[in-house]
C-alpha atoms as a PDB file:
ATOM      1  CA  UNK A   1     -30.014  11.832   1.572  1.00  0.00           C
ATOM      2  CA  UNK A   2     -26.244  11.608   1.915  1.00  0.00           C
ATOM      3  CA  UNK A   3     -24.574   9.050  -0.335  1.00  0.00           C
ATOM      4  CA  UNK A   4     -22.016   6.847   1.419  1.00  0.00           C
ATOM      5  CA  UNK A   5     -18.501   7.430   0.109  1.00  0.00           C
ATOM      6  CA  UNK A   6     -15.990   4.603   0.060  1.00  0.00           C
ATOM      7  CA  UNK A   7     -12.590   5.108   1.705  1.00  0.00           C
ATOM      8  CA  UNK A   8     -10.202   2.340   0.708  1.00  0.00           C
ATOM      9  CA  UNK A   9      -7.626   1.595   3.402  1.00  0.00           C
ATOM     10  CA  UNK A  10      -4.172   0.464   2.276  1.00  0.00           C
ATOM     11  CA  UNK A  11      -2.045  -0.832   5.173  1.00  0.00           C
ATOM     12  CA  UNK A  12       1.572  -1.874   4.627  1.00  0.00           C
ATOM     13  CA  UNK A  13       3.562  -4.219   6.873  1.00  0.00           C
ATOM     14  CA  UNK A  14       7.323  -3.832   6.471  1.00  0.00           C
ATOM     15  CA  UNK A  15       8.967  -5.755   9.309  1.00  0.00           C
ATOM     16  CA  UNK A  16       8.618  -9.000  11.225  1.00  0.00           C
ATOM     17  CA  UNK A  17       8.130  -6.915  14.350  1.00  0.00           C
ATOM     18  CA  UNK A  18       5.122  -5.302  12.723  1.00  0.00           C
ATOM     19  CA  UNK A  19       3.889  -8.683  11.524  1.00  0.00           C
ATOM     20  CA  UNK A  20       4.131 -10.222  14.987  1.00  0.00           C
ATOM     21  CA  UNK A  21       2.892  -7.399  17.236  1.00  0.00           C
ATOM     22  CA  UNK A  22       1.293  -4.567  15.251  1.00  0.00           C
ATOM     23  CA  UNK A  23      -0.755  -6.465  12.673  1.00  0.00           C
ATOM     24  CA  UNK A  24      -2.993  -8.327  15.200  1.00  0.00           C
ATOM     25  CA  UNK A  25      -3.841  -5.004  16.867  1.00  0.00           C
ATOM     26  CA  UNK A  26      -4.641  -3.414  13.510  1.00  0.00           C
ATOM     27  CA  UNK A  27      -6.921  -6.306  12.537  1.00  0.00           C
ATOM     28  CA  UNK A  28      -8.687  -6.119  15.916  1.00  0.00           C
ATOM     29  CA  UNK A  29      -9.296  -2.385  15.434  1.00  0.00           C
ATOM     30  CA  UNK A  30     -10.680  -2.972  11.937  1.00  0.00           C
ATOM     31  CA  UNK A  31     -12.970  -5.721  13.229  1.00  0.00           C
ATOM     32  CA  UNK A  32     -14.264  -3.499  16.039  1.00  0.00           C
ATOM     33  CA  UNK A  33     -15.045  -0.747  13.519  1.00  0.00           C
ATOM     34  CA  UNK A  34     -16.626  -3.212  11.067  1.00  0.00           C
ATOM     35  CA  UNK A  35     -14.107  -2.069   8.469  1.00  0.00           C
ATOM     36  CA  UNK A  36     -12.107  -3.824   5.785  1.00  0.00           C
ATOM     37  CA  UNK A  37      -8.716  -2.977   4.269  1.00  0.00           C
ATOM     38  CA  UNK A  38      -6.027  -4.145   1.876  1.00  0.00           C
ATOM     39  CA  UNK A  39      -2.966  -5.271   3.845  1.00  0.00           C
ATOM     40  CA  UNK A  40       0.246  -5.332   1.786  1.00  0.00           C
ATOM     41  CA  UNK A  41       3.287  -7.354   2.857  1.00  0.00           C
ATOM     42  CA  UNK A  42       6.805  -6.221   2.046  1.00  0.00           C
ATOM     43  CA  UNK A  43       8.442  -8.177  -0.783  1.00  0.00           C
ATOM     44  CA  UNK A  44      11.975  -8.577   0.515  1.00  0.00           C
ATOM     45  CA  UNK A  45      14.780  -6.340   1.722  1.00  0.00           C
ATOM     46  CA  UNK A  46      15.453  -3.315  -0.446  1.00  0.00           C
ATOM     47  CA  UNK A  47      19.081  -4.225  -1.182  1.00  0.00           C
ATOM     48  CA  UNK A  48      19.354  -1.867  -4.130  1.00  0.00           C
ATOM     49  CA  UNK A  49      19.497   1.325  -2.081  1.00  0.00           C
ATOM     50  CA  UNK A  50      21.810   2.314   0.806  1.00  0.00           C
ATOM     51  CA  UNK A  51      20.438   3.107   4.241  1.00  0.00           C
ATOM     52  CA  UNK A  52      20.639   6.876   3.875  1.00  0.00           C
ATOM     53  CA  UNK A  53      18.210   9.748   4.269  1.00  0.00           C
ATOM     54  CA  UNK A  54      14.666   8.628   4.958  1.00  0.00           C
ATOM     55  CA  UNK A  55      15.716   4.974   5.092  1.00  0.00           C
ATOM     56  CA  UNK A  56      18.148   5.799   7.907  1.00  0.00           C
ATOM     57  CA  UNK A  57      15.380   7.640   9.752  1.00  0.00           C
ATOM     58  CA  UNK A  58      13.103   4.630   9.309  1.00  0.00           C
ATOM     59  CA  UNK A  59      15.854   2.358  10.603  1.00  0.00           C
ATOM     60  CA  UNK A  60      16.114   4.429  13.772  1.00  0.00           C
ATOM     61  CA  UNK A  61      12.335   4.292  14.184  1.00  0.00           C
ATOM     62  CA  UNK A  62      11.892   0.543  13.747  1.00  0.00           C
ATOM     63  CA  UNK A  63      15.253  -0.482  15.165  1.00  0.00           C
ATOM     64  CA  UNK A  64      18.291  -1.650  13.224  1.00  0.00           C
ATOM     65  CA  UNK A  65      17.835  -5.271  14.260  1.00  0.00           C
ATOM     66  CA  UNK A  66      14.289  -5.330  12.950  1.00  0.00           C
ATOM     67  CA  UNK A  67      15.365  -3.954   9.584  1.00  0.00           C
ATOM     68  CA  UNK A  68      18.400  -6.156   9.099  1.00  0.00           C
ATOM     69  CA  UNK A  69      16.883  -9.429  10.337  1.00  0.00           C
ATOM     70  CA  UNK A  70      13.149  -8.922  10.431  1.00  0.00           C
ATOM     71  CA  UNK A  71      11.957  -8.304   6.907  1.00  0.00           C
ATOM     72  CA  UNK A  72       8.687 -10.061   6.308  1.00  0.00           C
ATOM     73  CA  UNK A  73       9.922 -11.225   2.918  1.00  0.00           C
ATOM     74  CA  UNK A  74      13.693 -11.812   3.326  1.00  0.00           C
ATOM     75  CA  UNK A  75      15.009 -12.232  -0.185  1.00  0.00           C
ATOM     76  CA  UNK A  76      13.567 -15.071  -2.240  1.00  0.00           C
ATOM     77  CA  UNK A  77      12.042 -17.008   0.674  1.00  0.00           C
ATOM     78  CA  UNK A  78       9.155 -16.149   2.949  1.00  0.00           C
ATOM     79  CA  UNK A  79       9.443 -15.461   6.649  1.00  0.00           C
ATOM     80  CA  UNK A  80       7.920 -18.161   8.853  1.00  0.00           C
ATOM     81  CA  UNK A  81       5.423 -15.642  10.239  1.00  0.00           C
ATOM     82  CA  UNK A  82       3.917 -14.831   6.831  1.00  0.00           C
ATOM     83  CA  UNK A  83       1.570 -17.849   6.390  1.00  0.00           C
ATOM     84  CA  UNK A  84      -0.134 -17.312   9.757  1.00  0.00           C
ATOM     85  CA  UNK A  85      -0.393 -13.576   9.090  1.00  0.00           C
ATOM     86  CA  UNK A  86      -1.980 -14.156   5.692  1.00  0.00           C
ATOM     87  CA  UNK A  87      -4.570 -16.445   7.269  1.00  0.00           C
ATOM     88  CA  UNK A  88      -5.320 -13.813   9.926  1.00  0.00           C
ATOM     89  CA  UNK A  89      -5.765 -11.145   7.239  1.00  0.00           C
ATOM     90  CA  UNK A  90      -8.283 -13.325   5.424  1.00  0.00           C
ATOM     91  CA  UNK A  91     -10.169 -14.268   8.594  1.00  0.00           C
ATOM     92  CA  UNK A  92     -10.501 -10.564   9.447  1.00  0.00           C
ATOM     93  CA  UNK A  93     -12.283  -9.939   6.146  1.00  0.00           C
ATOM     94  CA  UNK A  94      -9.351  -8.036   4.657  1.00  0.00           C
ATOM     95  CA  UNK A  95      -7.529  -8.486   1.340  1.00  0.00           C
ATOM     96  CA  UNK A  96      -3.832  -9.373   1.152  1.00  0.00           C
ATOM     97  CA  UNK A  97      -1.482  -7.575  -1.223  1.00  0.00           C
ATOM     98  CA  UNK A  98       2.210  -7.000  -1.940  1.00  0.00           C
ATOM     99  CA  UNK A  99       4.420  -4.004  -1.241  1.00  0.00           C
ATOM    100  CA  UNK A 100       7.266  -3.203  -3.666  1.00  0.00           C
ATOM    101  CA  UNK A 101       9.918  -0.722  -2.546  1.00  0.00           C
ATOM    102  CA  UNK A 102      10.728   1.976  -5.115  1.00  0.00           C
ATOM    103  CA  UNK A 103      14.492   1.625  -5.435  1.00  0.00           C
ATOM    104  CA  UNK A 104      17.131   0.670  -7.954  1.00  0.00           C
ATOM    105  CA  UNK A 105      16.068  -2.954  -7.545  1.00  0.00           C
ATOM    106  CA  UNK A 106      12.618  -2.241  -8.971  1.00  0.00           C
ATOM    107  CA  UNK A 107      13.432   0.548 -11.429  1.00  0.00           C
ATOM    108  CA  UNK A 108      15.089  -1.710 -13.955  1.00  0.00           C
ATOM    109  CA  UNK A 109      13.711  -4.774 -15.659  1.00  0.00           C
ATOM    110  CA  UNK A 110      13.379  -7.322 -12.878  1.00  0.00           C
ATOM    111  CA  UNK A 111      13.988 -10.915 -13.933  1.00  0.00           C
ATOM    112  CA  UNK A 112      10.556 -12.304 -14.720  1.00  0.00           C
ATOM    113  CA  UNK A 113      11.140 -15.841 -13.426  1.00  0.00           C
ATOM    114  CA  UNK A 114      12.083 -14.981  -9.786  1.00  0.00           C
ATOM    115  CA  UNK A 115       9.284 -12.436  -9.526  1.00  0.00           C
ATOM    116  CA  UNK A 116       6.759 -14.896 -10.948  1.00  0.00           C
ATOM    117  CA  UNK A 117       7.947 -17.527  -8.451  1.00  0.00           C
ATOM    118  CA  UNK A 118       7.468 -15.134  -5.519  1.00  0.00           C
ATOM    119  CA  UNK A 119       4.033 -14.133  -6.743  1.00  0.00           C
ATOM    120  CA  UNK A 120       3.050 -17.795  -7.150  1.00  0.00           C
ATOM    121  CA  UNK A 121       4.251 -18.503  -3.599  1.00  0.00           C
ATOM    122  CA  UNK A 122       2.324 -15.497  -2.307  1.00  0.00           C
ATOM    123  CA  UNK A 123      -0.834 -16.673  -4.063  1.00  0.00           C
ATOM    124  CA  UNK A 124      -0.481 -20.152  -2.578  1.00  0.00           C
ATOM    125  CA  UNK A 125       0.087 -18.932   0.982  1.00  0.00           C
ATOM    126  CA  UNK A 126      -2.703 -16.351   0.701  1.00  0.00           C
ATOM    127  CA  UNK A 127      -5.097 -18.942  -0.702  1.00  0.00           C
ATOM    128  CA  UNK A 128      -5.591 -16.986  -3.928  1.00  0.00           C
ATOM    129  CA  UNK A 129      -6.584 -18.732  -7.132  1.00  0.00           C
ATOM    130  CA  UNK A 130      -4.224 -18.405 -10.067  1.00  0.00           C
ATOM    131  CA  UNK A 131      -6.532 -15.913 -11.769  1.00  0.00           C
ATOM    132  CA  UNK A 132      -7.366 -13.913  -8.628  1.00  0.00           C
ATOM    133  CA  UNK A 133      -6.032 -10.341  -8.795  1.00  0.00           C
ATOM    134  CA  UNK A 134      -4.270  -8.642  -5.912  1.00  0.00           C
ATOM    135  CA  UNK A 135      -2.878  -5.223  -5.043  1.00  0.00           C
ATOM    136  CA  UNK A 136       0.711  -4.050  -5.432  1.00  0.00           C
ATOM    137  CA  UNK A 137       1.818  -0.850  -3.719  1.00  0.00           C
ATOM    138  CA  UNK A 138       4.591   1.159  -5.427  1.00  0.00           C
ATOM    139  CA  UNK A 139       5.695   3.822  -2.905  1.00  0.00           C
ATOM    140  CA  UNK A 140       6.069   7.241  -4.487  1.00  0.00           C
ATOM    141  CA  UNK A 141       4.623   6.003  -7.761  1.00  0.00           C
ATOM    142  CA  UNK A 142       8.100   5.188  -9.062  1.00  0.00           C
ATOM    143  CA  UNK A 143       8.573   2.114 -11.250  1.00  0.00           C
ATOM    144  CA  UNK A 144       9.850   1.053 -14.642  1.00  0.00           C
ATOM    145  CA  UNK A 145       7.547   0.426 -17.565  1.00  0.00           C
ATOM    146  CA  UNK A 146       8.903  -3.136 -18.018  1.00  0.00           C
ATOM    147  CA  UNK A 147       8.070  -3.824 -14.360  1.00  0.00           C
ATOM    148  CA  UNK A 148       4.554  -2.516 -14.883  1.00  0.00           C
ATOM    149  CA  UNK A 149       4.161  -4.845 -17.859  1.00  0.00           C
ATOM    150  CA  UNK A 150       5.207  -7.728 -15.598  1.00  0.00           C
ATOM    151  CA  UNK A 151       2.599  -6.669 -13.045  1.00  0.00           C
ATOM    152  CA  UNK A 152      -0.017  -6.808 -15.792  1.00  0.00           C
ATOM    153  CA  UNK A 153       1.141 -10.259 -16.932  1.00  0.00           C
ATOM    154  CA  UNK A 154       1.056 -11.574 -13.343  1.00  0.00           C
ATOM    155  CA  UNK A 155      -2.578 -10.588 -12.883  1.00  0.00           C
ATOM    156  CA  UNK A 156      -2.180  -7.649 -10.508  1.00  0.00           C
ATOM    157  CA  UNK A 157      -5.577  -6.129  -9.733  1.00  0.00           C
ATOM    158  CA  UNK A 158      -4.506  -2.585  -8.846  1.00  0.00           C
ATOM    159  CA  UNK A 159      -1.422  -0.405  -8.367  1.00  0.00           C
ATOM    160  CA  UNK A 160      -1.280   2.111  -5.526  1.00  0.00           C
ATOM    161  CA  UNK A 161       1.224   4.422  -3.862  1.00  0.00           C
ATOM    162  CA  UNK A 162       0.782   7.266  -6.354  1.00  0.00           C
ATOM    163  CA  UNK A 163      -0.141  10.739  -5.051  1.00  0.00           C
ATOM    164  CA  UNK A 164      -3.201  12.318  -6.642  1.00  0.00           C
ATOM    165  CA  UNK A 165      -6.969  12.393  -6.578  1.00  0.00           C
ATOM    166  CA  UNK A 166      -8.467  10.292  -9.368  1.00  0.00           C
ATOM    167  CA  UNK A 167      -7.892   6.726 -10.500  1.00  0.00           C
ATOM    168  CA  UNK A 168      -6.604   6.106 -14.017  1.00  0.00           C
ATOM    169  CA  UNK A 169      -5.193   3.523 -16.426  1.00  0.00           C
ATOM    170  CA  UNK A 170      -1.528   4.308 -17.247  1.00  0.00           C
ATOM    171  CA  UNK A 171      -0.387   4.488 -20.856  1.00  0.00           C
ATOM    172  CA  UNK A 172       3.017   5.241 -22.372  1.00  0.00           C
ATOM    173  CA  UNK A 173       3.816   5.781 -26.055  1.00  0.00           C
ATOM    174  CA  UNK A 174       0.234   4.743 -26.909  1.00  0.00           C
ATOM    175  CA  UNK A 175       0.685   1.466 -24.981  1.00  0.00           C
ATOM    176  CA  UNK A 176      -2.100   0.980 -22.456  1.00  0.00           C
ATOM    177  CA  UNK A 177      -1.558  -0.904 -19.200  1.00  0.00           C
ATOM    178  CA  UNK A 178      -4.784  -2.649 -18.229  1.00  0.00           C
ATOM    179  CA  UNK A 179      -4.082  -2.378 -14.497  1.00  0.00           C
ATOM    180  CA  UNK A 180      -5.830   0.548 -12.784  1.00  0.00           C
ATOM    181  CA  UNK A 181      -3.872   2.977 -10.627  1.00  0.00           C
ATOM    182  CA  UNK A 182      -5.582   4.335  -7.513  1.00  0.00           C
ATOM    183  CA  UNK A 183      -3.838   7.425  -6.107  1.00  0.00           C
ATOM    184  CA  UNK A 184      -3.549   8.029  -2.374  1.00  0.00           C
ATOM    185  CA  UNK A 185      -6.010  10.893  -2.030  1.00  0.00           C
ATOM    186  CA  UNK A 186      -6.086  11.339   1.773  1.00  0.00           C
ATOM    187  CA  UNK A 187      -3.055  12.464   3.817  1.00  0.00           C
ATOM    188  CA  UNK A 188      -1.034   9.839   5.643  1.00  0.00           C
ATOM    189  CA  UNK A 189      -1.571   9.766   9.410  1.00  0.00           C
ATOM    190  CA  UNK A 190       2.170   9.918  10.058  1.00  0.00           C
ATOM    191  CA  UNK A 191       2.619  12.973   7.834  1.00  0.00           C
ATOM    192  CA  UNK A 192      -0.255  14.763   9.540  1.00  0.00           C
ATOM    193  CA  UNK A 193       1.117  13.969  13.006  1.00  0.00           C
ATOM    194  CA  UNK A 194       4.495  15.390  12.035  1.00  0.00           C
ATOM    195  CA  UNK A 195       2.851  18.503  10.592  1.00  0.00           C
ATOM    196  CA  UNK A 196       0.887  18.935  13.819  1.00  0.00           C
ATOM    197  CA  UNK A 197       4.083  18.386  15.864  1.00  0.00           C
ATOM    198  CA  UNK A 198       2.832  15.194  17.447  1.00  0.00           C
ATOM    199  CA  UNK A 199      -0.490  16.595  18.638  1.00  0.00           C
ATOM    200  CA  UNK A 200      -2.756  13.565  18.294  1.00  0.00           C
ATOM    201  CA  UNK A 201      -6.066  15.417  18.683  1.00  0.00           C
ATOM    202  CA  UNK A 202      -5.127  17.954  16.023  1.00  0.00           C
ATOM    203  CA  UNK A 203      -3.926  15.240  13.638  1.00  0.00           C
ATOM    204  CA  UNK A 204      -7.154  13.235  13.884  1.00  0.00           C
ATOM    205  CA  UNK A 205      -9.202  16.430  13.471  1.00  0.00           C
ATOM    206  CA  UNK A 206      -7.203  17.375  10.357  1.00  0.00           C
ATOM    207  CA  UNK A 207      -7.724  13.994   8.713  1.00  0.00           C
ATOM    208  CA  UNK A 208     -11.433  13.978   9.510  1.00  0.00           C
ATOM    209  CA  UNK A 209     -11.776  17.475   8.062  1.00  0.00           C
ATOM    210  CA  UNK A 210     -10.201  16.214   4.822  1.00  0.00           C
ATOM    211  CA  UNK A 211     -12.640  13.311   4.603  1.00  0.00           C
ATOM    212  CA  UNK A 212     -15.724  15.314   5.591  1.00  0.00           C
ATOM    213  CA  UNK A 213     -16.116  16.874   2.158  1.00  0.00           C
ATOM    214  CA  UNK A 214     -15.431  13.797   0.031  1.00  0.00           C
ATOM    215  CA  UNK A 215     -17.687  13.530  -3.007  1.00  0.00           C
ATOM    216  CA  UNK A 216     -16.118  10.382  -4.479  1.00  0.00           C
ATOM    217  CA  UNK A 217     -14.046   7.359  -3.483  1.00  0.00           C
ATOM    218  CA  UNK A 218     -10.737   7.997  -1.727  1.00  0.00           C
ATOM    219  CA  UNK A 219      -7.712   5.981  -0.647  1.00  0.00           C
ATOM    220  CA  UNK A 220      -5.719   6.355   2.563  1.00  0.00           C
ATOM    221  CA  UNK A 221      -2.298   4.767   3.093  1.00  0.00           C
ATOM    222  CA  UNK A 222      -1.378   3.675   6.628  1.00  0.00           C
ATOM    223  CA  UNK A 223       1.685   2.070   8.225  1.00  0.00           C
ATOM    224  CA  UNK A 224       0.917  -1.022  10.320  1.00  0.00           C
ATOM    225  CA  UNK A 225       4.007  -0.576  12.499  1.00  0.00           C
ATOM    226  CA  UNK A 226       2.695   2.806  13.627  1.00  0.00           C
ATOM    227  CA  UNK A 227      -1.086   2.433  13.739  1.00  0.00           C
ATOM    228  CA  UNK A 228      -0.634  -0.868  15.592  1.00  0.00           C
ATOM    229  CA  UNK A 229       1.937   0.624  17.941  1.00  0.00           C
ATOM    230  CA  UNK A 230       2.403   4.161  19.230  1.00  0.00           C
ATOM    231  CA  UNK A 231      -0.577   5.541  17.295  1.00  0.00           C
ATOM    232  CA  UNK A 232      -3.022   2.735  17.993  1.00  0.00           C
ATOM    233  CA  UNK A 233      -5.462   4.976  19.880  1.00  0.00           C
ATOM    234  CA  UNK A 234      -5.413   7.596  17.112  1.00  0.00           C
ATOM    235  CA  UNK A 235      -6.146   4.918  14.515  1.00  0.00           C
ATOM    236  CA  UNK A 236      -9.184   3.693  16.471  1.00  0.00           C
ATOM    237  CA  UNK A 237     -10.478   7.262  16.805  1.00  0.00           C
ATOM    238  CA  UNK A 238      -9.935   7.835  13.097  1.00  0.00           C
ATOM    239  CA  UNK A 239     -11.932   4.734  12.178  1.00  0.00           C
ATOM    240  CA  UNK A 240     -14.751   5.797  14.501  1.00  0.00           C
ATOM    241  CA  UNK A 241     -14.752   9.303  13.017  1.00  0.00           C
ATOM    242  CA  UNK A 242     -14.991   8.003   9.473  1.00  0.00           C
ATOM    243  CA  UNK A 243     -17.903   5.767  10.425  1.00  0.00           C
ATOM    244  CA  UNK A 244     -19.677   8.736  12.058  1.00  0.00           C
ATOM    245  CA  UNK A 245     -19.245  10.674   8.807  1.00  0.00           C
ATOM    246  CA  UNK A 246     -21.071   7.869   7.016  1.00  0.00           C
ATOM    247  CA  UNK A 247     -18.128   6.551   5.011  1.00  0.00           C
ATOM    248  CA  UNK A 248     -17.710   2.904   4.036  1.00  0.00           C
ATOM    249  CA  UNK A 249     -14.237   1.611   4.948  1.00  0.00           C
ATOM    250  CA  UNK A 250     -13.234  -1.018   2.424  1.00  0.00           C
ATOM    251  CA  UNK A 251     -10.375  -2.748   0.622  1.00  0.00           C
ATOM    252  CA  UNK A 252      -8.807  -1.387  -2.548  1.00  0.00           C
ATOM    253  CA  UNK A 253     -10.551  -4.018  -4.684  1.00  0.00           C
ATOM    254  CA  UNK A 254     -13.947  -2.887  -3.349  1.00  0.00           C
ATOM    255  CA  UNK A 255     -13.136   0.724  -4.206  1.00  0.00           C
ATOM    256  CA  UNK A 256     -12.395  -0.277  -7.804  1.00  0.00           C
ATOM    257  CA  UNK A 257     -16.039  -1.263  -8.245  1.00  0.00           C
ATOM    258  CA  UNK A 258     -17.009   2.388  -7.710  1.00  0.00           C
ATOM    259  CA  UNK A 259     -15.085   3.545 -10.786  1.00  0.00           C
ATOM    260  CA  UNK A 260     -17.339   2.852 -13.762  1.00  0.00           C
ATOM    261  CA  UNK A 261     -14.821   4.217 -16.286  1.00  0.00           C
ATOM    262  CA  UNK A 262     -11.181   4.981 -15.518  1.00  0.00           C
ATOM    263  CA  UNK A 263      -9.546   7.671 -17.692  1.00  0.00           C
ATOM    264  CA  UNK A 264      -6.225   7.012 -19.408  1.00  0.00           C
ATOM    265  CA  UNK A 265      -3.202   8.983 -18.199  1.00  0.00           C
ATOM    266  CA  UNK A 266       0.203   9.370 -19.823  1.00  0.00           C
ATOM    267  CA  UNK A 267       3.378   8.707 -17.854  1.00  0.00           C
ATOM    268  CA  UNK A 268       5.802  11.560 -17.328  1.00  0.00           C
ATOM    269  CA  UNK A 269       9.470  10.632 -17.852  1.00  0.00           C
ATOM    270  CA  UNK A 270      12.100  13.109 -16.697  1.00  0.00           C
ATOM    271  CA  UNK A 271      15.621  12.977 -18.245  1.00  0.00           C
ATOM    272  CA  UNK A 272      17.158  12.200 -14.865  1.00  0.00           C
ATOM    273  CA  UNK A 273      14.839   9.272 -14.266  1.00  0.00           C
ATOM    274  CA  UNK A 274      15.226   8.023 -17.822  1.00  0.00           C
ATOM    275  CA  UNK A 275      18.941   7.552 -17.199  1.00  0.00           C
ATOM    276  CA  UNK A 276      18.146   5.216 -14.303  1.00  0.00           C
ATOM    277  CA  UNK A 277      17.267   2.150 -16.334  1.00  0.00           C
ATOM    278  CA  UNK A 278      14.167   3.728 -17.837  1.00  0.00           C
ATOM    279  CA  UNK A 279      12.459   4.610 -14.572  1.00  0.00           C
ATOM    280  CA  UNK A 280       9.126   6.369 -14.940  1.00  0.00           C
ATOM    281  CA  UNK A 281       7.036   8.435 -12.577  1.00  0.00           C
ATOM    282  CA  UNK A 282       3.279   8.603 -12.821  1.00  0.00           C
ATOM    283  CA  UNK A 283       1.971  11.975 -13.977  1.00  0.00           C
END
């Protein structure tokens, strides 16, 4: 008898355009597939880093106007679309989370009071109790240890965005952070499509081949602006393929229940990163 393996879906929403048009399509696809997911909203414009490199490419993809004016979380106040979106996420049986951009803004010690105020506002709009944990996505696994301590103090349930295979509890200089880290263990749909030169059939086949041999829980990161837009059909086929393989598609918090004991893992600090306000990268 084949044991059902959980695949936790982490979906990030970065722009108001994605919030308004892509997110409803994503939630409809999840409902049709009887799947759940953790949907993370972007926590403000990443003002600490210039629009160069990958950020410039992303700006061309989403449109400059959407990036400059359409952040879901513009600065310290919430976009007017966020409350309705949070209600829709809850009604769809999904879990709401936050998305922190790995830049100079987040590498240093962020002022605790503004961050706590934003988290409190997020909890209120999402209908979360004060003690209810939620998910924070740290793209690339890059963050400062003081920021991670703040995440622990604010009751974050899980940290994601780290490449790897197995979940762990981060520790640094014998200090243990009691917030589990769940690595992204399945390839991103966008990365696979680029590797397959835009061939949708090949990309879906590649992802399904990765998930076919899963022996334990996995996590897949997806971009709402893409899977609810140009790659909507591929996303629906991917969900159907996972269900045919017998996998359970769930939120990150549901995947945590599968890990009876999470091993401790030290943080690796390179000299170059240490010069940037004590930034650390997960090992």
